[in-house]
Amino acid sequence: QVQLVESGGGLVQAGGSLRLSCAASGRSISRTGMGWFRQAPGKEREFVAAISWSGGSTNYADSVKGRFTISRDNAKKTVYLQMTSLKPEDTAVYYCAATSPGGAYYGTYDYWGQGTQVTVSS
């Protein structure tokens, strides 16, 4: 089992930046695909970014490509989402997620954090 706790959300003006962190506890995440998802009010949860075990491969939603960067520190069991050039449409609850051990970062996510609110004002 792995527990995930997100932090770093908040209120920021359009054009600003935030860095989200996802701290994992329990088992190691070194062989675990990690991802970020978000859910805006009245909308379904959507994929934002994902990263492979070693961090060598990443994938991004088209809407955030070039603005967001996902990274990980396996020794610290932490995954990050650096968000720049934020837009009001980025406003959502952001969730960190993990695959089961051995899972691919483009596969199924089985473990979820509680989410952190990001609000971008215009």
N, C-alpha and C. Protein backbone atom coordinates (compact mmCIF):
# COMPACT_ATOMS: atom_id res chain seq x y z
N GLN A 1 0.83 -1.19 0.00
CA GLN A 1 0.00 0.00 0.00
C GLN A 1 0.87 1.24 0.00
N VAL A 2 0.37 2.27 -0.59
CA VAL A 2 1.06 3.55 -0.56
C VAL A 2 0.02 4.63 -0.27
N GLN A 3 0.41 5.58 0.56
CA GLN A 3 -0.45 6.71 0.86
C GLN A 3 0.17 7.95 0.21
N LEU A 4 -0.68 8.79 -0.35
CA LEU A 4 -0.23 9.97 -1.08
C LEU A 4 -0.84 11.22 -0.47
N VAL A 5 0.00 12.23 -0.25
CA VAL A 5 -0.47 13.49 0.30
C VAL A 5 0.06 14.63 -0.56
N GLU A 6 -0.86 15.38 -1.13
CA GLU A 6 -0.50 16.53 -1.96
C GLU A 6 -0.39 17.80 -1.12
N SER A 7 0.43 18.71 -1.59
CA SER A 7 0.56 20.02 -0.96
C SER A 7 1.02 21.02 -2.02
N GLY A 8 0.92 22.30 -1.66
CA GLY A 8 1.42 23.34 -2.55
C GLY A 8 0.37 24.08 -3.32
N GLY A 9 -0.89 23.68 -3.19
CA GLY A 9 -1.94 24.40 -3.88
C GLY A 9 -2.19 25.76 -3.25
N GLY A 10 -3.00 26.54 -3.92
CA GLY A 10 -3.32 27.87 -3.39
C GLY A 10 -3.93 28.75 -4.45
N LEU A 11 -3.98 30.04 -4.14
CA LEU A 11 -4.55 31.05 -5.03
C LEU A 11 -3.41 31.81 -5.70
N VAL A 12 -3.47 31.93 -7.01
CA VAL A 12 -2.43 32.63 -7.76
C VAL A 12 -3.07 33.40 -8.90
N GLN A 13 -2.45 34.49 -9.30
CA GLN A 13 -2.97 35.26 -10.42
C GLN A 13 -2.58 34.60 -11.74
N ALA A 14 -3.36 34.87 -12.75
CA ALA A 14 -3.05 34.36 -14.08
C ALA A 14 -1.63 34.79 -14.48
N GLY A 15 -0.90 33.86 -15.06
CA GLY A 15 0.47 34.11 -15.43
C GLY A 15 1.47 33.70 -14.36
N GLY A 16 0.98 33.40 -13.18
CA GLY A 16 1.84 33.02 -12.08
C GLY A 16 2.23 31.55 -12.11
N SER A 17 2.93 31.16 -11.05
CA SER A 17 3.45 29.79 -10.96
C SER A 17 3.14 29.18 -9.59
N LEU A 18 3.06 27.87 -9.58
CA LEU A 18 2.93 27.11 -8.35
C LEU A 18 3.68 25.79 -8.53
N ARG A 19 4.17 25.24 -7.43
CA ARG A 19 4.74 23.90 -7.47
C ARG A 19 3.99 23.01 -6.50
N LEU A 20 3.40 21.98 -7.03
CA LEU A 20 2.72 21.00 -6.20
C LEU A 20 3.69 19.87 -5.84
N SER A 21 3.51 19.34 -4.64
CA SER A 21 4.29 18.20 -4.20
C SER A 21 3.35 17.07 -3.81
N CYS A 22 3.83 15.86 -3.99
CA CYS A 22 3.08 14.67 -3.61
C CYS A 22 4.04 13.79 -2.83
N ALA A 23 3.80 13.68 -1.53
CA ALA A 23 4.64 12.87 -0.67
C ALA A 23 4.02 11.50 -0.49
N ALA A 24 4.79 10.47 -0.76
CA ALA A 24 4.31 9.10 -0.61
C ALA A 24 4.84 8.49 0.67
N SER A 25 4.03 7.69 1.30
CA SER A 25 4.46 6.94 2.47
C SER A 25 3.99 5.49 2.31
N GLY A 26 4.61 4.65 3.09
CA GLY A 26 4.31 3.23 2.94
C GLY A 26 5.44 2.59 2.15
N ARG A 27 5.12 1.99 1.05
CA ARG A 27 6.14 1.31 0.26
C ARG A 27 6.94 2.29 -0.59
N SER A 28 8.02 1.81 -1.16
CA SER A 28 8.82 2.59 -2.11
C SER A 28 8.01 2.87 -3.37
N ILE A 29 8.34 3.98 -4.03
CA ILE A 29 7.68 4.29 -5.30
C ILE A 29 8.64 4.18 -6.47
N SER A 30 9.80 3.56 -6.24
CA SER A 30 10.82 3.53 -7.28
C SER A 30 10.41 2.73 -8.50
N ARG A 31 9.47 1.78 -8.35
CA ARG A 31 8.97 1.01 -9.49
C ARG A 31 7.50 1.28 -9.71
N THR A 32 7.14 2.54 -9.54
CA THR A 32 5.73 2.94 -9.61
C THR A 32 5.56 4.10 -10.57
N GLY A 33 4.64 3.94 -11.50
CA GLY A 33 4.28 5.06 -12.33
C GLY A 33 3.53 6.09 -11.49
N MET A 34 3.81 7.37 -11.71
CA MET A 34 3.18 8.42 -10.94
C MET A 34 2.54 9.43 -11.89
N GLY A 35 1.43 9.98 -11.45
CA GLY A 35 0.74 10.93 -12.30
C GLY A 35 0.01 12.01 -11.52
N TRP A 36 -0.35 13.05 -12.24
CA TRP A 36 -1.18 14.12 -11.71
C TRP A 36 -2.45 14.19 -12.56
N PHE A 37 -3.55 14.39 -11.86
CA PHE A 37 -4.85 14.56 -12.50
C PHE A 37 -5.51 15.77 -11.89
N ARG A 38 -6.56 16.27 -12.51
CA ARG A 38 -7.28 17.41 -11.93
C ARG A 38 -8.76 17.30 -12.24
N GLN A 39 -9.53 17.94 -11.37
CA GLN A 39 -10.97 17.97 -11.56
C GLN A 39 -11.50 19.36 -11.26
N ALA A 40 -12.07 19.98 -12.26
CA ALA A 40 -12.67 21.30 -12.10
C ALA A 40 -14.14 21.14 -11.71
N PRO A 41 -14.73 22.15 -11.09
CA PRO A 41 -16.14 22.06 -10.69
C PRO A 41 -17.05 21.72 -11.87
N GLY A 42 -17.88 20.72 -11.69
CA GLY A 42 -18.82 20.34 -12.73
C GLY A 42 -18.24 19.55 -13.87
N LYS A 43 -16.96 19.21 -13.76
CA LYS A 43 -16.31 18.46 -14.84
C LYS A 43 -15.75 17.15 -14.32
N GLU A 44 -15.48 16.25 -15.24
CA GLU A 44 -14.87 14.98 -14.86
C GLU A 44 -13.37 15.16 -14.61
N ARG A 45 -12.84 14.26 -13.84
CA ARG A 45 -11.41 14.29 -13.59
C ARG A 45 -10.66 14.01 -14.89
N GLU A 46 -9.56 14.75 -15.11
CA GLU A 46 -8.80 14.59 -16.34
C GLU A 46 -7.32 14.42 -16.05
N PHE A 47 -6.66 13.78 -16.97
CA PHE A 47 -5.23 13.56 -16.88
C PHE A 47 -4.48 14.86 -17.10
N VAL A 48 -3.40 15.05 -16.33
CA VAL A 48 -2.55 16.23 -16.48
C VAL A 48 -1.14 15.83 -16.93
N ALA A 49 -0.50 14.96 -16.17
CA ALA A 49 0.88 14.59 -16.47
C ALA A 49 1.21 13.26 -15.80
N ALA A 50 2.20 12.57 -16.35
CA ALA A 50 2.64 11.31 -15.77
C ALA A 50 4.14 11.14 -16.00
N ILE A 51 4.75 10.31 -15.15
CA ILE A 51 6.19 10.13 -15.21
C ILE A 51 6.53 8.67 -14.94
N SER A 52 7.53 8.18 -15.64
CA SER A 52 7.94 6.78 -15.51
C SER A 52 8.74 6.56 -14.23
N TRP A 53 9.09 5.31 -13.98
CA TRP A 53 9.76 4.93 -12.74
C TRP A 53 11.00 5.78 -12.49
N SER A 54 11.84 5.89 -13.50
CA SER A 54 13.12 6.57 -13.33
C SER A 54 13.02 8.07 -13.57
N GLY A 55 11.89 8.48 -14.12
CA GLY A 55 11.74 9.88 -14.51
C GLY A 55 12.20 10.15 -15.92
N GLY A 56 12.65 9.13 -16.62
CA GLY A 56 13.18 9.33 -17.96
C GLY A 56 12.13 9.57 -19.02
N SER A 57 10.90 9.19 -18.73
CA SER A 57 9.81 9.40 -19.68
C SER A 57 8.67 10.13 -19.00
N THR A 58 8.10 11.07 -19.72
CA THR A 58 6.98 11.84 -19.21
C THR A 58 5.90 11.96 -20.29
N ASN A 59 4.72 12.31 -19.85
CA ASN A 59 3.61 12.51 -20.77
C ASN A 59 2.75 13.63 -20.21
N TYR A 60 2.23 14.46 -21.10
CA TYR A 60 1.43 15.61 -20.66
C TYR A 60 0.15 15.73 -21.49
N ALA A 61 -0.87 16.25 -20.85
CA ALA A 61 -2.06 16.63 -21.58
C ALA A 61 -1.71 17.81 -22.50
N ASP A 62 -2.35 17.87 -23.64
CA ASP A 62 -2.06 18.96 -24.58
C ASP A 62 -2.29 20.34 -23.94
N SER A 63 -3.26 20.42 -23.05
CA SER A 63 -3.62 21.70 -22.46
C SER A 63 -2.54 22.27 -21.55
N VAL A 64 -1.61 21.44 -21.08
CA VAL A 64 -0.58 21.92 -20.16
C VAL A 64 0.83 21.78 -20.73
N LYS A 65 0.94 21.18 -21.89
CA LYS A 65 2.26 20.94 -22.49
C LYS A 65 2.98 22.27 -22.69
N GLY A 66 4.23 22.30 -22.27
CA GLY A 66 5.03 23.51 -22.38
C GLY A 66 4.90 24.45 -21.20
N ARG A 67 3.91 24.20 -20.34
CA ARG A 67 3.71 25.06 -19.17
C ARG A 67 3.95 24.31 -17.85
N PHE A 68 3.63 23.03 -17.82
CA PHE A 68 3.78 22.22 -16.61
C PHE A 68 4.93 21.24 -16.80
N THR A 69 5.61 20.93 -15.68
CA THR A 69 6.68 19.95 -15.69
C THR A 69 6.53 19.01 -14.52
N ILE A 70 6.50 17.71 -14.80
CA ILE A 70 6.43 16.71 -13.74
C ILE A 70 7.83 16.16 -13.50
N SER A 71 8.15 15.92 -12.24
CA SER A 71 9.45 15.35 -11.89
C SER A 71 9.27 14.51 -10.63
N ARG A 72 10.32 13.76 -10.30
CA ARG A 72 10.22 12.90 -9.13
C ARG A 72 11.58 12.74 -8.48
N ASP A 73 11.53 12.48 -7.17
CA ASP A 73 12.73 12.18 -6.39
C ASP A 73 12.41 10.90 -5.64
N ASN A 74 12.87 9.78 -6.15
CA ASN A 74 12.52 8.49 -5.56
C ASN A 74 13.10 8.34 -4.15
N ALA A 75 14.26 8.92 -3.92
CA ALA A 75 14.87 8.82 -2.59
C ALA A 75 13.99 9.52 -1.55
N LYS A 76 13.35 10.60 -1.95
CA LYS A 76 12.47 11.34 -1.04
C LYS A 76 11.02 10.86 -1.15
N LYS A 77 10.77 9.95 -2.07
CA LYS A 77 9.40 9.44 -2.31
C LYS A 77 8.43 10.59 -2.56
N THR A 78 8.87 11.49 -3.42
CA THR A 78 8.08 12.69 -3.70
C THR A 78 8.03 12.94 -5.21
N VAL A 79 6.86 13.35 -5.64
CA VAL A 79 6.64 13.74 -7.03
C VAL A 79 6.21 15.19 -7.06
N TYR A 80 6.66 15.91 -8.06
CA TYR A 80 6.37 17.34 -8.15
C TYR A 80 5.65 17.67 -9.46
N LEU A 81 4.91 18.75 -9.41
CA LEU A 81 4.31 19.31 -10.62
C LEU A 81 4.57 20.81 -10.59
N GLN A 82 5.51 21.24 -11.42
CA GLN A 82 5.80 22.66 -11.54
C GLN A 82 4.86 23.25 -12.59
N MET A 83 4.10 24.24 -12.17
CA MET A 83 3.10 24.84 -13.06
C MET A 83 3.46 26.30 -13.29
N THR A 84 3.62 26.67 -14.53
CA THR A 84 3.94 28.06 -14.89
C THR A 84 2.90 28.59 -15.87
N SER A 85 2.93 29.89 -16.08
CA SER A 85 1.99 30.54 -17.00
C SER A 85 0.56 30.06 -16.75
N LEU A 86 0.17 30.05 -15.49
CA LEU A 86 -1.14 29.53 -15.12
C LEU A 86 -2.26 30.37 -15.70
N LYS A 87 -3.35 29.67 -16.04
CA LYS A 87 -4.52 30.29 -16.63
C LYS A 87 -5.74 30.01 -15.74
N PRO A 88 -6.75 30.85 -15.81
CA PRO A 88 -7.96 30.59 -15.01
C PRO A 88 -8.54 29.19 -15.27
N GLU A 89 -8.40 28.69 -16.46
CA GLU A 89 -8.93 27.36 -16.77
C GLU A 89 -8.12 26.23 -16.13
N ASP A 90 -7.01 26.55 -15.50
CA ASP A 90 -6.25 25.55 -14.75
C ASP A 90 -6.83 25.36 -13.34
N THR A 91 -7.79 26.18 -12.97
CA THR A 91 -8.42 26.07 -11.65
C THR A 91 -9.08 24.71 -11.49
N ALA A 92 -8.69 23.99 -10.44
CA ALA A 92 -9.20 22.64 -10.21
C ALA A 92 -8.61 22.10 -8.91
N VAL A 93 -9.14 20.98 -8.49
CA VAL A 93 -8.49 20.19 -7.45
C VAL A 93 -7.52 19.26 -8.16
N TYR A 94 -6.28 19.30 -7.72
CA TYR A 94 -5.23 18.48 -8.34
C TYR A 94 -4.95 17.26 -7.47
N TYR A 95 -4.95 16.11 -8.11
CA TYR A 95 -4.74 14.84 -7.43
C TYR A 95 -3.46 14.17 -7.91
N CYS A 96 -2.74 13.62 -6.95
CA CYS A 96 -1.59 12.77 -7.24
C CYS A 96 -2.08 11.33 -7.26
N ALA A 97 -1.47 10.52 -8.12
CA ALA A 97 -1.88 9.13 -8.23
C ALA A 97 -0.67 8.24 -8.49
N ALA A 98 -0.79 6.98 -8.07
CA ALA A 98 0.28 6.01 -8.24
C ALA A 98 -0.27 4.71 -8.81
N THR A 99 0.54 4.06 -9.60
CA THR A 99 0.15 2.73 -10.09
C THR A 99 0.50 1.69 -9.02
N SER A 100 0.08 0.50 -9.23
CA SER A 100 0.56 -0.60 -8.39
C SER A 100 2.02 -0.86 -8.76
N PRO A 101 2.79 -1.53 -7.89
CA PRO A 101 4.19 -1.80 -8.17
C PRO A 101 4.38 -2.47 -9.53
N GLY A 102 5.31 -1.93 -10.31
CA GLY A 102 5.55 -2.48 -11.64
C GLY A 102 4.66 -1.91 -12.71
N GLY A 103 3.75 -1.05 -12.33
CA GLY A 103 2.81 -0.49 -13.30
C GLY A 103 3.43 0.58 -14.18
N ALA A 104 2.99 0.65 -15.40
CA ALA A 104 3.49 1.66 -16.34
C ALA A 104 2.83 3.00 -16.09
N TYR A 105 3.58 4.07 -16.36
CA TYR A 105 3.05 5.41 -16.08
C TYR A 105 1.89 5.76 -17.01
N TYR A 106 1.73 5.00 -18.09
CA TYR A 106 0.63 5.23 -19.00
C TYR A 106 -0.50 4.23 -18.75
N GLY A 107 -0.41 3.51 -17.64
CA GLY A 107 -1.39 2.47 -17.33
C GLY A 107 -2.45 2.91 -16.35
N THR A 108 -2.88 1.98 -15.53
CA THR A 108 -3.96 2.21 -14.58
C THR A 108 -3.41 2.71 -13.24
N TYR A 109 -4.07 3.72 -12.69
CA TYR A 109 -3.68 4.27 -11.40
C TYR A 109 -4.60 3.71 -10.31
N ASP A 110 -3.98 3.16 -9.28
CA ASP A 110 -4.73 2.46 -8.25
C ASP A 110 -4.78 3.20 -6.92
N TYR A 111 -3.90 4.15 -6.72
CA TYR A 111 -3.82 4.86 -5.44
C TYR A 111 -3.91 6.36 -5.70
N TRP A 112 -4.68 7.04 -4.84
CA TRP A 112 -4.96 8.46 -5.06
C TRP A 112 -4.80 9.24 -3.76
N GLY A 113 -4.33 10.46 -3.89
CA GLY A 113 -4.30 11.36 -2.76
C GLY A 113 -5.64 12.04 -2.58
N GLN A 114 -5.69 12.93 -1.61
CA GLN A 114 -6.96 13.60 -1.29
C GLN A 114 -7.17 14.87 -2.10
N GLY A 115 -6.13 15.32 -2.75
CA GLY A 115 -6.23 16.49 -3.62
C GLY A 115 -5.83 17.78 -2.96
N THR A 116 -5.41 18.73 -3.79
CA THR A 116 -5.08 20.07 -3.32
C THR A 116 -5.68 21.07 -4.30
N GLN A 117 -6.28 22.13 -3.76
CA GLN A 117 -6.99 23.10 -4.59
C GLN A 117 -6.02 24.10 -5.21
N VAL A 118 -6.16 24.30 -6.49
CA VAL A 118 -5.44 25.35 -7.21
C VAL A 118 -6.47 26.29 -7.81
N THR A 119 -6.37 27.56 -7.48
CA THR A 119 -7.29 28.56 -8.00
C THR A 119 -6.48 29.65 -8.69
N VAL A 120 -6.79 29.90 -9.95
CA VAL A 120 -6.09 30.91 -10.74
C VAL A 120 -7.07 32.03 -11.04
N SER A 121 -6.75 33.22 -10.56
CA SER A 121 -7.64 34.36 -10.77
C SER A 121 -7.23 35.14 -12.02
N SER A 122 -8.20 35.73 -12.66
CA SER A 122 -7.92 36.47 -13.90
C SER A 122 -7.62 37.93 -13.63
